[in-house]
Amino acid sequence: MTGEAGRGLAAAGGETARLGALENPLDFLAEDHAREREVCALIDRLAAGAAVDDGERRMLLAFLNEQLPHHLADEDIDLFPLMRQRCTPDEDIDRVIRQLLAGHGATRSDAPAIADLIEAKESGQAAFSWKMQVRMTEFARHARQDMIVETAIILPLARAHLTGHDLATLKTRMLQRRNSGA
């Protein structure tokens, strides 16, 4: 991976520093979505039998095992409750959030298995079986569907409705989560 995509994944390692430097935590969530799209592209490449270099593989595994759980918690524990408080009933945010929470539950349970498949392949396992390929591509497809909803609906509504205090609280909680390792 070269260019912009490589820089995006490489930046994943310094997520606490990047979050601290950003004024608006919603910008950090948007950056997480960009990294997640890159991860999905790498998963699709691996499932198709393409080679990825060691750096890409390490960043992919770090995202699945470390950054993705933080990102999901940022949204599920902190952002979504704020959205429920601030959005108006006609925006039907509860329905959207319920859909995303269900998707996040699947992602949370599937990500370690996808990471295990990738680690096993790293250890010299033969090409991914058809079943493994399907599981990997379905994981990436599902993640992309959730990101579409988050990018097109959740983040714009959050930018419109969350207060300065809400954003400061969200940022503090995100930093605490990363500094505690939780």
C-alpha atoms as a PDB file:
ATOM      1  CA  MET A   1       0.000   0.000   0.000  1.00  0.00           C
ATOM      2  CA  THR A   2       1.428   3.347  -0.935  1.00  0.00           C
ATOM      3  CA  GLY A   3       0.541   7.000  -0.831  1.00  0.00           C
ATOM      4  CA  GLU A   4      -2.495   8.259   1.044  1.00  0.00           C
ATOM      5  CA  ALA A   5      -3.759   4.828   2.061  1.00  0.00           C
ATOM      6  CA  GLY A   6      -0.412   3.888   3.598  1.00  0.00           C
ATOM      7  CA  ARG A   7      -0.254   7.137   5.549  1.00  0.00           C
ATOM      8  CA  GLY A   8      -3.781   6.586   6.856  1.00  0.00           C
ATOM      9  CA  LEU A   9      -3.055   3.152   8.227  1.00  0.00           C
ATOM     10  CA  ALA A  10       0.353   4.170   9.521  1.00  0.00           C
ATOM     11  CA  ALA A  11      -1.334   6.952  11.474  1.00  0.00           C
ATOM     12  CA  ALA A  12      -3.478   4.399  13.270  1.00  0.00           C
ATOM     13  CA  GLY A  13      -0.635   3.683  15.683  1.00  0.00           C
ATOM     14  CA  GLY A  14      -0.641   7.211  17.118  1.00  0.00           C
ATOM     15  CA  GLU A  15      -4.363   7.489  17.666  1.00  0.00           C
ATOM     16  CA  THR A  16      -4.223   9.025  21.158  1.00  0.00           C
ATOM     17  CA  ALA A  17      -1.892  11.796  20.020  1.00  0.00           C
ATOM     18  CA  ARG A  18      -4.068  12.519  16.980  1.00  0.00           C
ATOM     19  CA  LEU A  19      -7.238  12.606  19.068  1.00  0.00           C
ATOM     20  CA  GLY A  20      -5.644  14.978  21.560  1.00  0.00           C
ATOM     21  CA  ALA A  21      -4.616  17.341  18.763  1.00  0.00           C
ATOM     22  CA  LEU A  22      -8.080  17.488  17.200  1.00  0.00           C
ATOM     23  CA  GLU A  23     -10.476  20.133  18.443  1.00  0.00           C
ATOM     24  CA  ASN A  24     -13.563  18.174  17.425  1.00  0.00           C
ATOM     25  CA  PRO A  25     -13.808  14.460  18.304  1.00  0.00           C
ATOM     26  CA  LEU A  26     -16.231  13.989  15.406  1.00  0.00           C
ATOM     27  CA  ASP A  27     -13.296  14.667  13.074  1.00  0.00           C
ATOM     28  CA  PHE A  28     -11.446  11.807  14.758  1.00  0.00           C
ATOM     29  CA  LEU A  29     -14.434   9.490  14.234  1.00  0.00           C
ATOM     30  CA  ALA A  30     -14.487  10.513  10.565  1.00  0.00           C
ATOM     31  CA  GLU A  31     -10.769   9.660  10.335  1.00  0.00           C
ATOM     32  CA  ASP A  32     -11.505   6.291  11.949  1.00  0.00           C
ATOM     33  CA  HIS A  33     -14.041   5.660   9.194  1.00  0.00           C
ATOM     34  CA  ALA A  34     -11.405   6.449   6.563  1.00  0.00           C
ATOM     35  CA  ARG A  35      -8.987   3.994   8.191  1.00  0.00           C
ATOM     36  CA  GLU A  36     -11.727   1.384   8.441  1.00  0.00           C
ATOM     37  CA  ARG A  37     -12.414   1.729   4.702  1.00  0.00           C
ATOM     38  CA  GLU A  38      -8.710   1.089   4.070  1.00  0.00           C
ATOM     39  CA  VAL A  39      -8.824  -1.948   6.359  1.00  0.00           C
ATOM     40  CA  CYS A  40     -11.842  -3.283   4.475  1.00  0.00           C
ATOM     41  CA  ALA A  41      -9.964  -2.881   1.187  1.00  0.00           C
ATOM     42  CA  LEU A  42      -7.017  -4.822   2.639  1.00  0.00           C
ATOM     43  CA  ILE A  43      -9.332  -7.574   3.878  1.00  0.00           C
ATOM     44  CA  ASP A  44     -10.869  -7.820   0.411  1.00  0.00           C
ATOM     45  CA  ARG A  45      -7.399  -8.014  -1.139  1.00  0.00           C
ATOM     46  CA  LEU A  46      -6.353 -10.788   1.227  1.00  0.00           C
ATOM     47  CA  ALA A  47      -9.574 -12.713   0.613  1.00  0.00           C
ATOM     48  CA  ALA A  48      -8.947 -12.466  -3.130  1.00  0.00           C
ATOM     49  CA  GLY A  49      -5.522 -14.012  -2.667  1.00  0.00           C
ATOM     50  CA  ALA A  50      -3.453 -10.860  -3.128  1.00  0.00           C
ATOM     51  CA  ALA A  51      -0.331 -10.390  -1.078  1.00  0.00           C
ATOM     52  CA  VAL A  52       0.022  -7.593   1.454  1.00  0.00           C
ATOM     53  CA  ASP A  53       3.316  -6.540   2.952  1.00  0.00           C
ATOM     54  CA  ASP A  54       4.230  -7.070   6.592  1.00  0.00           C
ATOM     55  CA  GLY A  55       3.573  -3.443   7.513  1.00  0.00           C
ATOM     56  CA  GLU A  56       0.084  -3.562   6.035  1.00  0.00           C
ATOM     57  CA  ARG A  57      -0.641  -6.814   7.830  1.00  0.00           C
ATOM     58  CA  ARG A  58       0.567  -5.413  11.176  1.00  0.00           C
ATOM     59  CA  MET A  59      -1.523  -2.276  10.769  1.00  0.00           C
ATOM     60  CA  LEU A  60      -4.543  -4.346   9.742  1.00  0.00           C
ATOM     61  CA  LEU A  61      -4.229  -6.535  12.826  1.00  0.00           C
ATOM     62  CA  ALA A  62      -3.644  -3.511  15.075  1.00  0.00           C
ATOM     63  CA  PHE A  63      -6.790  -1.906  13.729  1.00  0.00           C
ATOM     64  CA  LEU A  64      -8.930  -5.020  14.189  1.00  0.00           C
ATOM     65  CA  ASN A  65      -7.551  -5.874  17.629  1.00  0.00           C
ATOM     66  CA  GLU A  66      -6.964  -2.433  19.153  1.00  0.00           C
ATOM     67  CA  GLN A  67      -8.426   0.577  17.354  1.00  0.00           C
ATOM     68  CA  LEU A  68     -11.731  -0.922  16.187  1.00  0.00           C
ATOM     69  CA  PRO A  69     -12.885  -1.866  19.712  1.00  0.00           C
ATOM     70  CA  HIS A  70     -12.161   1.710  20.841  1.00  0.00           C
ATOM     71  CA  HIS A  71     -14.018   3.154  17.868  1.00  0.00           C
ATOM     72  CA  LEU A  72     -17.074   0.988  18.484  1.00  0.00           C
ATOM     73  CA  ALA A  73     -17.088   1.952  22.170  1.00  0.00           C
ATOM     74  CA  ASP A  74     -16.740   5.640  21.251  1.00  0.00           C
ATOM     75  CA  GLU A  75     -19.921   5.409  19.253  1.00  0.00           C
ATOM     76  CA  ASP A  76     -21.935   2.904  21.287  1.00  0.00           C
ATOM     77  CA  ILE A  77     -21.151   4.153  24.792  1.00  0.00           C
ATOM     78  CA  ASP A  78     -20.684   7.870  24.252  1.00  0.00           C
ATOM     79  CA  LEU A  79     -21.821   9.245  20.884  1.00  0.00           C
ATOM     80  CA  PHE A  80     -25.108   7.393  20.458  1.00  0.00           C
ATOM     81  CA  PRO A  81     -26.510   8.327  23.897  1.00  0.00           C
ATOM     82  CA  LEU A  82     -25.667  11.973  23.189  1.00  0.00           C
ATOM     83  CA  MET A  83     -27.418  11.698  19.837  1.00  0.00           C
ATOM     84  CA  ARG A  84     -30.519  10.283  21.511  1.00  0.00           C
ATOM     85  CA  GLN A  85     -30.560  13.251  23.889  1.00  0.00           C
ATOM     86  CA  ARG A  86     -30.048  15.924  21.252  1.00  0.00           C
ATOM     87  CA  CYS A  87     -31.887  14.771  18.123  1.00  0.00           C
ATOM     88  CA  THR A  88     -35.540  15.525  17.569  1.00  0.00           C
ATOM     89  CA  PRO A  89     -38.149  12.749  17.318  1.00  0.00           C
ATOM     90  CA  ASP A  90     -38.760  13.444  13.626  1.00  0.00           C
ATOM     91  CA  GLU A  91     -35.132  12.525  12.897  1.00  0.00           C
ATOM     92  CA  ASP A  92     -35.913   8.927  13.965  1.00  0.00           C
ATOM     93  CA  ILE A  93     -32.423   8.538  15.404  1.00  0.00           C
ATOM     94  CA  ASP A  94     -33.444   5.692  17.717  1.00  0.00           C
ATOM     95  CA  ARG A  95     -34.182   3.421  14.756  1.00  0.00           C
ATOM     96  CA  VAL A  96     -30.874   4.271  13.095  1.00  0.00           C
ATOM     97  CA  ILE A  97     -28.932   3.736  16.318  1.00  0.00           C
ATOM     98  CA  ARG A  98     -30.621   0.388  16.999  1.00  0.00           C
ATOM     99  CA  GLN A  99     -29.593  -0.760  13.518  1.00  0.00           C
ATOM    100  CA  LEU A 100     -26.009   0.372  14.095  1.00  0.00           C
ATOM    101  CA  LEU A 101     -25.805  -1.201  17.548  1.00  0.00           C
ATOM    102  CA  ALA A 102     -26.855  -4.542  16.075  1.00  0.00           C
ATOM    103  CA  GLY A 103     -24.215  -4.168  13.387  1.00  0.00           C
ATOM    104  CA  HIS A 104     -21.586  -3.172  15.916  1.00  0.00           C
ATOM    105  CA  GLY A 105     -22.377  -6.251  17.973  1.00  0.00           C
ATOM    106  CA  ALA A 106     -21.692  -8.440  14.956  1.00  0.00           C
ATOM    107  CA  THR A 107     -18.526  -6.504  14.142  1.00  0.00           C
ATOM    108  CA  ARG A 108     -17.321  -6.759  17.742  1.00  0.00           C
ATOM    109  CA  SER A 109     -17.757 -10.545  17.715  1.00  0.00           C
ATOM    110  CA  ASP A 110     -16.440 -11.118  14.170  1.00  0.00           C
ATOM    111  CA  ALA A 111     -13.341  -8.881  14.221  1.00  0.00           C
ATOM    112  CA  PRO A 112     -11.253 -11.201  16.446  1.00  0.00           C
ATOM    113  CA  ALA A 113     -12.101 -14.161  14.198  1.00  0.00           C
ATOM    114  CA  ILE A 114     -11.082 -12.197  11.100  1.00  0.00           C
ATOM    115  CA  ALA A 115      -7.837 -11.194  12.830  1.00  0.00           C
ATOM    116  CA  ASP A 116      -7.237 -14.849  13.735  1.00  0.00           C
ATOM    117  CA  LEU A 117      -7.713 -15.893  10.097  1.00  0.00           C
ATOM    118  CA  ILE A 118      -5.215 -13.273   8.980  1.00  0.00           C
ATOM    119  CA  GLU A 119      -2.713 -14.250  11.681  1.00  0.00           C
ATOM    120  CA  ALA A 120      -3.045 -17.932  10.761  1.00  0.00           C
ATOM    121  CA  LYS A 121      -2.371 -17.078   7.126  1.00  0.00           C
ATOM    122  CA  GLU A 122       0.644 -15.092   8.258  1.00  0.00           C
ATOM    123  CA  SER A 123       1.931 -18.219   9.964  1.00  0.00           C
ATOM    124  CA  GLY A 124       2.199 -20.031   6.653  1.00  0.00           C
ATOM    125  CA  GLN A 125      -1.299 -21.462   6.237  1.00  0.00           C
ATOM    126  CA  ALA A 126      -2.279 -22.189   2.644  1.00  0.00           C
ATOM    127  CA  ALA A 127      -4.599 -19.845   0.732  1.00  0.00           C
ATOM    128  CA  PHE A 128      -7.846 -18.915   2.420  1.00  0.00           C
ATOM    129  CA  SER A 129     -10.607 -21.444   1.887  1.00  0.00           C
ATOM    130  CA  TRP A 130     -13.742 -20.350   0.077  1.00  0.00           C
ATOM    131  CA  LYS A 131     -15.581 -20.255   3.424  1.00  0.00           C
ATOM    132  CA  MET A 132     -12.882 -18.024   4.929  1.00  0.00           C
ATOM    133  CA  GLN A 133     -12.944 -15.754   1.873  1.00  0.00           C
ATOM    134  CA  VAL A 134     -16.711 -15.344   2.174  1.00  0.00           C
ATOM    135  CA  ARG A 135     -16.452 -14.593   5.884  1.00  0.00           C
ATOM    136  CA  MET A 136     -13.801 -11.964   5.278  1.00  0.00           C
ATOM    137  CA  THR A 137     -15.605 -10.251   2.400  1.00  0.00           C
ATOM    138  CA  GLU A 138     -18.905 -10.287   4.314  1.00  0.00           C
ATOM    139  CA  PHE A 139     -17.190  -8.677   7.301  1.00  0.00           C
ATOM    140  CA  ALA A 140     -15.817  -5.921   5.056  1.00  0.00           C
ATOM    141  CA  ARG A 141     -19.160  -5.455   3.273  1.00  0.00           C
ATOM    142  CA  HIS A 142     -21.050  -5.174   6.547  1.00  0.00           C
ATOM    143  CA  ALA A 143     -18.521  -2.693   7.944  1.00  0.00           C
ATOM    144  CA  ARG A 144     -18.893  -0.543   4.826  1.00  0.00           C
ATOM    145  CA  GLN A 145     -22.686  -0.543   5.172  1.00  0.00           C
ATOM    146  CA  ASP A 146     -22.435   0.692   8.756  1.00  0.00           C
ATOM    147  CA  MET A 147     -19.917   3.365   7.746  1.00  0.00           C
ATOM    148  CA  ILE A 148     -22.285   4.664   5.068  1.00  0.00           C
ATOM    149  CA  VAL A 149     -24.984   5.220   7.697  1.00  0.00           C
ATOM    150  CA  GLU A 150     -22.529   6.717  10.169  1.00  0.00           C
ATOM    151  CA  THR A 151     -20.987   9.055   7.598  1.00  0.00           C
ATOM    152  CA  ALA A 152     -24.222  10.110   5.885  1.00  0.00           C
ATOM    153  CA  ILE A 153     -26.558  10.311   8.888  1.00  0.00           C
ATOM    154  CA  ILE A 154     -24.882  10.089  12.295  1.00  0.00           C
ATOM    155  CA  LEU A 155     -21.931  12.458  11.870  1.00  0.00           C
ATOM    156  CA  PRO A 156     -23.883  15.242  10.103  1.00  0.00           C
ATOM    157  CA  LEU A 157     -26.622  15.114  12.756  1.00  0.00           C
ATOM    158  CA  ALA A 158     -23.997  15.073  15.504  1.00  0.00           C
ATOM    159  CA  ARG A 159     -22.321  18.136  14.002  1.00  0.00           C
ATOM    160  CA  ALA A 160     -25.687  19.893  13.880  1.00  0.00           C
ATOM    161  CA  HIS A 161     -26.952  18.971  17.345  1.00  0.00           C
ATOM    162  CA  LEU A 162     -24.134  18.292  19.802  1.00  0.00           C
ATOM    163  CA  THR A 163     -23.141  21.175  22.033  1.00  0.00           C
ATOM    164  CA  GLY A 164     -19.630  22.302  22.853  1.00  0.00           C
ATOM    165  CA  HIS A 165     -19.994  20.616  26.229  1.00  0.00           C
ATOM    166  CA  ASP A 166     -21.140  17.392  24.533  1.00  0.00           C
ATOM    167  CA  LEU A 167     -18.097  17.432  22.262  1.00  0.00           C
ATOM    168  CA  ALA A 168     -15.719  18.126  25.157  1.00  0.00           C
ATOM    169  CA  THR A 169     -17.235  15.236  27.119  1.00  0.00           C
ATOM    170  CA  LEU A 170     -17.015  12.937  24.102  1.00  0.00           C
ATOM    171  CA  LYS A 171     -13.365  13.850  23.537  1.00  0.00           C
ATOM    172  CA  THR A 172     -12.494  13.334  27.214  1.00  0.00           C
ATOM    173  CA  ARG A 173     -14.127   9.902  27.265  1.00  0.00           C
ATOM    174  CA  MET A 174     -12.390   8.894  24.043  1.00  0.00           C
ATOM    175  CA  LEU A 175      -9.011   9.931  25.452  1.00  0.00           C
ATOM    176  CA  GLN A 176      -9.695   8.115  28.734  1.00  0.00           C
ATOM    177  CA  ARG A 177     -10.600   4.959  26.840  1.00  0.00           C
ATOM    178  CA  ARG A 178      -7.342   5.016  24.901  1.00  0.00           C
ATOM    179  CA  ASN A 179      -5.169   5.928  27.869  1.00  0.00           C
ATOM    180  CA  SER A 180      -6.668   3.223  30.082  1.00  0.00           C
ATOM    181  CA  GLY A 181      -6.345   0.533  27.438  1.00  0.00           C
ATOM    182  CA  ALA A 182     -10.063  -0.275  27.885  1.00  0.00           C
END
